[in-house]
């Protein structure tokens, strides 16, 4: 996966959720590191759609635990140009 994509994701997550970008690691638990609650997931959907140009279904997040899961999800959606 492209380092540029990971850096872009980390940057917008750090900015949106006010965490140190160095706290975001591939194996880190996304919910714990970003201190996400249900409303934060809605914010994340909006940020993803604005930054990457594809629609997100809330159920997509059920499989995302680590940041690596999230990177893989975004890369897969970008690569397939799957617009829902």
PDB file of N, CA and C in Angstrom:
ATOM      1  N   UNK A   1       0.845  -1.182   0.000  1.00  0.00           N
ATOM      2  CA  UNK A   1       0.000   0.000   0.000  1.00  0.00           C
ATOM      3  C   UNK A   1       0.887   1.241   0.000  1.00  0.00           C
ATOM      4  N   UNK A   2       0.407   2.250  -0.663  1.00  0.00           N
ATOM      5  CA  UNK A   2       1.188   3.469  -0.816  1.00  0.00           C
ATOM      6  C   UNK A   2       1.347   4.211   0.514  1.00  0.00           C
ATOM      7  N   UNK A   3       2.570   4.571   0.811  1.00  0.00           N
ATOM      8  CA  UNK A   3       2.871   5.320   2.027  1.00  0.00           C
ATOM      9  C   UNK A   3       2.126   6.651   2.033  1.00  0.00           C
ATOM     10  N   UNK A   4       1.961   7.253   0.848  1.00  0.00           N
ATOM     11  CA  UNK A   4       1.268   8.534   0.770  1.00  0.00           C
ATOM     12  C   UNK A   4      -0.170   8.398   1.266  1.00  0.00           C
ATOM     13  N   UNK A   5      -0.818   7.298   0.928  1.00  0.00           N
ATOM     14  CA  UNK A   5      -2.201   7.085   1.358  1.00  0.00           C
ATOM     15  C   UNK A   5      -2.268   6.946   2.876  1.00  0.00           C
ATOM     16  N   UNK A   6      -1.371   6.170   3.447  1.00  0.00           N
ATOM     17  CA  UNK A   6      -1.344   5.990   4.906  1.00  0.00           C
ATOM     18  C   UNK A   6      -1.098   7.324   5.592  1.00  0.00           C
ATOM     19  N   UNK A   7      -0.164   8.112   5.063  1.00  0.00           N
ATOM     20  CA  UNK A   7       0.124   9.424   5.652  1.00  0.00           C
ATOM     21  C   UNK A   7      -1.084  10.347   5.571  1.00  0.00           C
ATOM     22  N   UNK A   8      -1.784  10.312   4.448  1.00  0.00           N
ATOM     23  CA  UNK A   8      -2.980  11.153   4.291  1.00  0.00           C
ATOM     24  C   UNK A   8      -4.049  10.734   5.301  1.00  0.00           C
ATOM     25  N   UNK A   9      -4.273   9.437   5.428  1.00  0.00           N
ATOM     26  CA  UNK A   9      -5.260   8.931   6.383  1.00  0.00           C
ATOM     27  C   UNK A   9      -4.871   9.337   7.801  1.00  0.00           C
ATOM     28  N   UNK A  10      -3.623   9.099   8.172  1.00  0.00           N
ATOM     29  CA  UNK A  10      -3.165   9.439   9.524  1.00  0.00           C
ATOM     30  C   UNK A  10      -3.320  10.930   9.802  1.00  0.00           C
ATOM     31  N   UNK A  11      -2.999  11.746   8.814  1.00  0.00           N
ATOM     32  CA  UNK A  11      -3.102  13.198   8.993  1.00  0.00           C
ATOM     33  C   UNK A  11      -4.547  13.612   9.257  1.00  0.00           C
ATOM     34  N   UNK A  12      -5.481  13.125   8.434  1.00  0.00           N
ATOM     35  CA  UNK A  12      -6.849  13.581   8.643  1.00  0.00           C
ATOM     36  C   UNK A  12      -7.440  12.999   9.920  1.00  0.00           C
ATOM     37  N   UNK A  13      -7.040  11.790  10.311  1.00  0.00           N
ATOM     38  CA  UNK A  13      -7.529  11.224  11.572  1.00  0.00           C
ATOM     39  C   UNK A  13      -6.985  12.018  12.765  1.00  0.00           C
ATOM     40  N   UNK A  14      -5.691  12.333  12.723  1.00  0.00           N
ATOM     41  CA  UNK A  14      -5.063  13.084  13.817  1.00  0.00           C
ATOM     42  C   UNK A  14      -5.706  14.462  13.946  1.00  0.00           C
ATOM     43  N   UNK A  15      -5.969  15.101  12.820  1.00  0.00           N
ATOM     44  CA  UNK A  15      -6.579  16.425  12.826  1.00  0.00           C
ATOM     45  C   UNK A  15      -8.024  16.364  13.311  1.00  0.00           C
ATOM     46  N   UNK A  16      -8.791  15.462  12.738  1.00  0.00           N
ATOM     47  CA  UNK A  16     -10.217  15.370  13.055  1.00  0.00           C
ATOM     48  C   UNK A  16     -10.470  14.970  14.511  1.00  0.00           C
ATOM     49  N   UNK A  17      -9.664  14.029  15.014  1.00  0.00           N
ATOM     50  CA  UNK A  17      -9.920  13.493  16.347  1.00  0.00           C
ATOM     51  C   UNK A  17      -8.933  13.990  17.404  1.00  0.00           C
ATOM     52  N   UNK A  18      -8.122  14.988  17.013  1.00  0.00           N
ATOM     53  CA  UNK A  18      -7.220  15.688  17.930  1.00  0.00           C
ATOM     54  C   UNK A  18      -6.325  14.743  18.733  1.00  0.00           C
ATOM     55  N   UNK A  19      -5.618  13.888  17.992  1.00  0.00           N
ATOM     56  CA  UNK A  19      -4.632  13.006  18.607  1.00  0.00           C
ATOM     57  C   UNK A  19      -3.287  13.264  17.938  1.00  0.00           C
ATOM     58  N   UNK A  20      -2.232  12.868  18.610  1.00  0.00           N
ATOM     59  CA  UNK A  20      -0.892  12.988  18.043  1.00  0.00           C
ATOM     60  C   UNK A  20      -0.761  11.951  16.925  1.00  0.00           C
ATOM     61  N   UNK A  21      -0.309  12.389  15.773  1.00  0.00           N
ATOM     62  CA  UNK A  21      -0.170  11.471  14.632  1.00  0.00           C
ATOM     63  C   UNK A  21       0.750  10.297  14.972  1.00  0.00           C
ATOM     64  N   UNK A  22       1.671  10.501  15.910  1.00  0.00           N
ATOM     65  CA  UNK A  22       2.580   9.423  16.308  1.00  0.00           C
ATOM     66  C   UNK A  22       1.876   8.333  17.121  1.00  0.00           C
ATOM     67  N   UNK A  23       0.686   8.630  17.638  1.00  0.00           N
ATOM     68  CA  UNK A  23      -0.085   7.625  18.369  1.00  0.00           C
ATOM     69  C   UNK A  23      -0.798   6.653  17.431  1.00  0.00           C
ATOM     70  N   UNK A  24      -0.848   7.000  16.150  1.00  0.00           N
ATOM     71  CA  UNK A  24      -1.541   6.171  15.165  1.00  0.00           C
ATOM     72  C   UNK A  24      -0.544   5.201  14.548  1.00  0.00           C
ATOM     73  N   UNK A  25      -0.718   3.922  14.876  1.00  0.00           N
ATOM     74  CA  UNK A  25       0.138   2.871  14.321  1.00  0.00           C
ATOM     75  C   UNK A  25      -0.743   1.829  13.657  1.00  0.00           C
ATOM     76  N   UNK A  26      -0.183   1.114  12.692  1.00  0.00           N
ATOM     77  CA  UNK A  26      -0.954   0.130  11.924  1.00  0.00           C
ATOM     78  C   UNK A  26      -1.661  -0.873  12.825  1.00  0.00           C
ATOM     79  N   UNK A  27      -0.980  -1.323  13.880  1.00  0.00           N
ATOM     80  CA  UNK A  27      -1.564  -2.355  14.747  1.00  0.00           C
ATOM     81  C   UNK A  27      -2.426  -1.770  15.868  1.00  0.00           C
ATOM     82  N   UNK A  28      -2.467  -0.449  15.976  1.00  0.00           N
ATOM     83  CA  UNK A  28      -3.243   0.194  17.041  1.00  0.00           C
ATOM     84  C   UNK A  28      -4.735  -0.005  16.876  1.00  0.00           C
ATOM     85  N   UNK A  29      -5.443  -0.086  18.000  1.00  0.00           N
ATOM     86  CA  UNK A  29      -6.902  -0.215  18.000  1.00  0.00           C
ATOM     87  C   UNK A  29      -7.489   1.171  17.734  1.00  0.00           C
ATOM     88  N   UNK A  30      -8.178   1.287  16.621  1.00  0.00           N
ATOM     89  CA  UNK A  30      -8.675   2.573  16.182  1.00  0.00           C
ATOM     90  C   UNK A  30      -9.637   3.198  17.191  1.00  0.00           C
ATOM     91  N   UNK A  31     -10.543   2.416  17.717  1.00  0.00           N
ATOM     92  CA  UNK A  31     -11.535   2.943  18.654  1.00  0.00           C
ATOM     93  C   UNK A  31     -10.866   3.468  19.915  1.00  0.00           C
ATOM     94  N   UNK A  32      -9.868   2.745  20.423  1.00  0.00           N
ATOM     95  CA  UNK A  32      -9.189   3.155  21.653  1.00  0.00           C
ATOM     96  C   UNK A  32      -8.295   4.363  21.438  1.00  0.00           C
ATOM     97  N   UNK A  33      -7.485   4.329  20.389  1.00  0.00           N
ATOM     98  CA  UNK A  33      -6.533   5.423  20.144  1.00  0.00           C
ATOM     99  C   UNK A  33      -7.271   6.742  19.865  1.00  0.00           C
ATOM    100  N   UNK A  34      -8.341   6.665  19.074  1.00  0.00           N
ATOM    101  CA  UNK A  34      -9.073   7.883  18.723  1.00  0.00           C
ATOM    102  C   UNK A  34     -10.193   8.199  19.709  1.00  0.00           C
ATOM    103  N   UNK A  35     -10.408   7.313  20.671  1.00  0.00           N
ATOM    104  CA  UNK A  35     -11.467   7.478  21.678  1.00  0.00           C
ATOM    105  C   UNK A  35     -12.811   7.726  20.998  1.00  0.00           C
ATOM    106  N   UNK A  36     -13.183   6.803  20.114  1.00  0.00           N
ATOM    107  CA  UNK A  36     -14.387   6.957  19.306  1.00  0.00           C
ATOM    108  C   UNK A  36     -15.649   6.535  20.043  1.00  0.00           C
ATOM    109  N   UNK A  37     -16.707   7.329  19.847  1.00  0.00           N
ATOM    110  CA  UNK A  37     -18.033   6.907  20.276  1.00  0.00           C
ATOM    111  C   UNK A  37     -18.909   6.870  19.018  1.00  0.00           C
ATOM    112  N   UNK A  38     -20.179   6.564  19.178  1.00  0.00           N
ATOM    113  CA  UNK A  38     -21.034   6.388  17.998  1.00  0.00           C
ATOM    114  C   UNK A  38     -21.125   7.656  17.150  1.00  0.00           C
ATOM    115  N   UNK A  39     -21.141   8.815  17.770  1.00  0.00           N
ATOM    116  CA  UNK A  39     -21.192  10.057  16.998  1.00  0.00           C
ATOM    117  C   UNK A  39     -19.902  10.294  16.226  1.00  0.00           C
ATOM    118  N   UNK A  40     -18.774   9.857  16.788  1.00  0.00           N
ATOM    119  CA  UNK A  40     -17.488  10.012  16.100  1.00  0.00           C
ATOM    120  C   UNK A  40     -17.455   9.211  14.808  1.00  0.00           C
ATOM    121  N   UNK A  41     -18.110   8.056  14.809  1.00  0.00           N
ATOM    122  CA  UNK A  41     -18.143   7.257  13.580  1.00  0.00           C
ATOM    123  C   UNK A  41     -18.887   7.995  12.475  1.00  0.00           C
ATOM    124  N   UNK A  42     -19.920   8.740  12.837  1.00  0.00           N
ATOM    125  CA  UNK A  42     -20.642   9.536  11.841  1.00  0.00           C
ATOM    126  C   UNK A  42     -19.713  10.611  11.285  1.00  0.00           C
ATOM    127  N   UNK A  43     -18.973  11.265  12.161  1.00  0.00           N
ATOM    128  CA  UNK A  43     -17.995  12.261  11.717  1.00  0.00           C
ATOM    129  C   UNK A  43     -16.973  11.628  10.778  1.00  0.00           C
ATOM    130  N   UNK A  44     -16.528  10.421  11.128  1.00  0.00           N
ATOM    131  CA  UNK A  44     -15.522   9.742  10.321  1.00  0.00           C
ATOM    132  C   UNK A  44     -16.061   9.435   8.919  1.00  0.00           C
ATOM    133  N   UNK A  45     -17.317   9.022   8.838  1.00  0.00           N
ATOM    134  CA  UNK A  45     -17.928   8.750   7.536  1.00  0.00           C
ATOM    135  C   UNK A  45     -17.890  10.001   6.669  1.00  0.00           C
ATOM    136  N   UNK A  46     -18.258  11.140   7.240  1.00  0.00           N
ATOM    137  CA  UNK A  46     -18.259  12.401   6.494  1.00  0.00           C
ATOM    138  C   UNK A  46     -16.844  12.752   6.040  1.00  0.00           C
ATOM    139  N   UNK A  47     -15.877  12.609   6.932  1.00  0.00           N
ATOM    140  CA  UNK A  47     -14.488  12.936   6.601  1.00  0.00           C
ATOM    141  C   UNK A  47     -13.972  12.027   5.487  1.00  0.00           C
ATOM    142  N   UNK A  48     -14.280  10.746   5.564  1.00  0.00           N
ATOM    143  CA  UNK A  48     -13.834   9.808   4.523  1.00  0.00           C
ATOM    144  C   UNK A  48     -14.453  10.190   3.182  1.00  0.00           C
ATOM    145  N   UNK A  49     -15.752  10.441   3.193  1.00  0.00           N
ATOM    146  CA  UNK A  49     -16.420  10.789   1.941  1.00  0.00           C
ATOM    147  C   UNK A  49     -15.854  12.075   1.340  1.00  0.00           C
ATOM    148  N   UNK A  50     -15.549  13.054   2.181  1.00  0.00           N
ATOM    149  CA  UNK A  50     -14.994  14.319   1.702  1.00  0.00           C
ATOM    150  C   UNK A  50     -13.559  14.176   1.207  1.00  0.00           C
ATOM    151  N   UNK A  51     -12.761  13.342   1.873  1.00  0.00           N
ATOM    152  CA  UNK A  51     -11.346  13.201   1.521  1.00  0.00           C
ATOM    153  C   UNK A  51     -11.087  12.218   0.386  1.00  0.00           C
ATOM    154  N   UNK A  52     -11.924  11.199   0.270  1.00  0.00           N
ATOM    155  CA  UNK A  52     -11.618  10.134  -0.680  1.00  0.00           C
ATOM    156  C   UNK A  52     -12.668   9.931  -1.763  1.00  0.00           C
ATOM    157  N   UNK A  53     -13.786  10.616  -1.669  1.00  0.00           N
ATOM    158  CA  UNK A  53     -14.763  10.615  -2.745  1.00  0.00           C
ATOM    159  C   UNK A  53     -15.552   9.331  -2.929  1.00  0.00           C
ATOM    160  N   UNK A  54     -15.723   8.545  -1.885  1.00  0.00           N
ATOM    161  CA  UNK A  54     -16.609   7.390  -2.002  1.00  0.00           C
ATOM    162  C   UNK A  54     -17.536   7.346  -0.800  1.00  0.00           C
ATOM    163  N   UNK A  55     -18.671   6.715  -1.002  1.00  0.00           N
ATOM    164  CA  UNK A  55     -19.676   6.614   0.059  1.00  0.00           C
ATOM    165  C   UNK A  55     -19.327   5.469   1.001  1.00  0.00           C
ATOM    166  N   UNK A  56     -19.621   5.681   2.267  1.00  0.00           N
ATOM    167  CA  UNK A  56     -19.335   4.683   3.300  1.00  0.00           C
ATOM    168  C   UNK A  56     -20.649   4.223   3.908  1.00  0.00           C
ATOM    169  N   UNK A  57     -20.768   2.916   4.082  1.00  0.00           N
ATOM    170  CA  UNK A  57     -21.927   2.366   4.778  1.00  0.00           C
ATOM    171  C   UNK A  57     -21.520   2.123   6.229  1.00  0.00           C
ATOM    172  N   UNK A  58     -22.352   2.507   7.183  1.00  0.00           N
ATOM    173  CA  UNK A  58     -21.995   2.320   8.596  1.00  0.00           C
ATOM    174  C   UNK A  58     -21.579   0.887   8.929  1.00  0.00           C
ATOM    175  N   UNK A  59     -22.210  -0.086   8.300  1.00  0.00           N
ATOM    176  CA  UNK A  59     -21.864  -1.480   8.594  1.00  0.00           C
ATOM    177  C   UNK A  59     -20.449  -1.844   8.142  1.00  0.00           C
ATOM    178  N   UNK A  60     -19.848  -1.024   7.268  1.00  0.00           N
ATOM    179  CA  UNK A  60     -18.460  -1.273   6.853  1.00  0.00           C
ATOM    180  C   UNK A  60     -17.518  -1.231   8.058  1.00  0.00           C
ATOM    181  N   UNK A  61     -17.879  -0.466   9.075  1.00  0.00           N
ATOM    182  CA  UNK A  61     -16.997  -0.310  10.233  1.00  0.00           C
ATOM    183  C   UNK A  61     -17.012  -1.506  11.175  1.00  0.00           C
ATOM    184  N   UNK A  62     -17.942  -2.436  10.995  1.00  0.00           N
ATOM    185  CA  UNK A  62     -18.000  -3.580  11.907  1.00  0.00           C
ATOM    186  C   UNK A  62     -16.760  -4.455  11.796  1.00  0.00           C
ATOM    187  N   UNK A  63     -16.108  -4.447  10.655  1.00  0.00           N
ATOM    188  CA  UNK A  63     -14.918  -5.274  10.446  1.00  0.00           C
ATOM    189  C   UNK A  63     -13.618  -4.521  10.714  1.00  0.00           C
ATOM    190  N   UNK A  64     -13.695  -3.235  10.980  1.00  0.00           N
ATOM    191  CA  UNK A  64     -12.493  -2.417  11.150  1.00  0.00           C
ATOM    192  C   UNK A  64     -12.159  -2.299  12.636  1.00  0.00           C
ATOM    193  N   UNK A  65     -11.043  -2.894  13.008  1.00  0.00           N
ATOM    194  CA  UNK A  65     -10.585  -2.852  14.399  1.00  0.00           C
ATOM    195  C   UNK A  65      -9.312  -2.008  14.506  1.00  0.00           C
ATOM    196  N   UNK A  66      -8.318  -2.351  13.697  1.00  0.00           N
ATOM    197  CA  UNK A  66      -7.027  -1.664  13.748  1.00  0.00           C
ATOM    198  C   UNK A  66      -6.925  -0.610  12.644  1.00  0.00           C
ATOM    199  N   UNK A  67      -5.925   0.230  12.770  1.00  0.00           N
ATOM    200  CA  UNK A  67      -5.685   1.204  11.706  1.00  0.00           C
ATOM    201  C   UNK A  67      -5.348   0.486  10.404  1.00  0.00           C
ATOM    202  N   UNK A  68      -4.635  -0.648  10.483  1.00  0.00           N
ATOM    203  CA  UNK A  68      -4.322  -1.406   9.261  1.00  0.00           C
ATOM    204  C   UNK A  68      -5.598  -1.858   8.576  1.00  0.00           C
ATOM    205  N   UNK A  69      -6.587  -2.297   9.334  1.00  0.00           N
ATOM    206  CA  UNK A  69      -7.885  -2.666   8.752  1.00  0.00           C
ATOM    207  C   UNK A  69      -8.481  -1.472   8.006  1.00  0.00           C
ATOM    208  N   UNK A  70      -8.352  -0.300   8.615  1.00  0.00           N
ATOM    209  CA  UNK A  70      -8.905   0.913   8.013  1.00  0.00           C
ATOM    210  C   UNK A  70      -8.146   1.281   6.735  1.00  0.00           C
ATOM    211  N   UNK A  71      -6.811   1.202   6.784  1.00  0.00           N
ATOM    212  CA  UNK A  71      -6.008   1.481   5.578  1.00  0.00           C
ATOM    213  C   UNK A  71      -6.419   0.548   4.444  1.00  0.00           C
ATOM    214  N   UNK A  72      -6.557  -0.736   4.767  1.00  0.00           N
ATOM    215  CA  UNK A  72      -6.920  -1.730   3.758  1.00  0.00           C
ATOM    216  C   UNK A  72      -8.297  -1.432   3.169  1.00  0.00           C
ATOM    217  N   UNK A  73      -9.230  -1.055   4.030  1.00  0.00           N
ATOM    218  CA  UNK A  73     -10.582  -0.729   3.592  1.00  0.00           C
ATOM    219  C   UNK A  73     -10.565   0.453   2.617  1.00  0.00           C
ATOM    220  N   UNK A  74      -9.899   1.535   3.007  1.00  0.00           N
ATOM    221  CA  UNK A  74      -9.849   2.724   2.153  1.00  0.00           C
ATOM    222  C   UNK A  74      -9.157   2.401   0.830  1.00  0.00           C
ATOM    223  N   UNK A  75      -8.037   1.702   0.876  1.00  0.00           N
ATOM    224  CA  UNK A  75      -7.298   1.358  -0.344  1.00  0.00           C
ATOM    225  C   UNK A  75      -8.157   0.497  -1.266  1.00  0.00           C
ATOM    226  N   UNK A  76      -8.852  -0.464  -0.688  1.00  0.00           N
ATOM    227  CA  UNK A  76      -9.699  -1.349  -1.500  1.00  0.00           C
ATOM    228  C   UNK A  76     -10.812  -0.553  -2.171  1.00  0.00           C
ATOM    229  N   UNK A  77     -11.426   0.353  -1.420  1.00  0.00           N
ATOM    230  CA  UNK A  77     -12.520   1.157  -1.994  1.00  0.00           C
ATOM    231  C   UNK A  77     -11.997   2.103  -3.074  1.00  0.00           C
ATOM    232  N   UNK A  78     -10.837   2.679  -2.864  1.00  0.00           N
ATOM    233  CA  UNK A  78     -10.260   3.573  -3.873  1.00  0.00           C
ATOM    234  C   UNK A  78      -9.896   2.770  -5.122  1.00  0.00           C
ATOM    235  N   UNK A  79      -9.293   1.607  -4.922  1.00  0.00           N
ATOM    236  CA  UNK A  79      -8.837   0.790  -6.050  1.00  0.00           C
ATOM    237  C   UNK A  79      -9.985   0.256  -6.896  1.00  0.00           C
ATOM    238  N   UNK A  80     -11.104  -0.026  -6.281  1.00  0.00           N
ATOM    239  CA  UNK A  80     -12.225  -0.570  -7.041  1.00  0.00           C
ATOM    240  C   UNK A  80     -13.172   0.522  -7.531  1.00  0.00           C
ATOM    241  N   UNK A  81     -12.926   1.760  -7.061  1.00  0.00           N
ATOM    242  CA  UNK A  81     -13.805   2.889  -7.419  1.00  0.00           C
ATOM    243  C   UNK A  81     -15.255   2.543  -7.142  1.00  0.00           C
ATOM    244  N   UNK A  82     -15.455   1.837  -6.036  1.00  0.00           N
ATOM    245  CA  UNK A  82     -16.795   1.389  -5.671  1.00  0.00           C
ATOM    246  C   UNK A  82     -17.556   2.541  -5.045  1.00  0.00           C
ATOM    247  N   UNK A  83     -18.405   3.130  -5.805  1.00  0.00           N
ATOM    248  CA  UNK A  83     -19.217   4.245  -5.323  1.00  0.00           C
ATOM    249  C   UNK A  83     -20.613   3.722  -5.013  1.00  0.00           C
ATOM    250  N   UNK A  84     -21.002   3.870  -3.774  1.00  0.00           N
ATOM    251  CA  UNK A  84     -22.308   3.332  -3.362  1.00  0.00           C
ATOM    252  C   UNK A  84     -23.316   4.455  -3.293  1.00  0.00           C
TER     253      UNK A  84
END
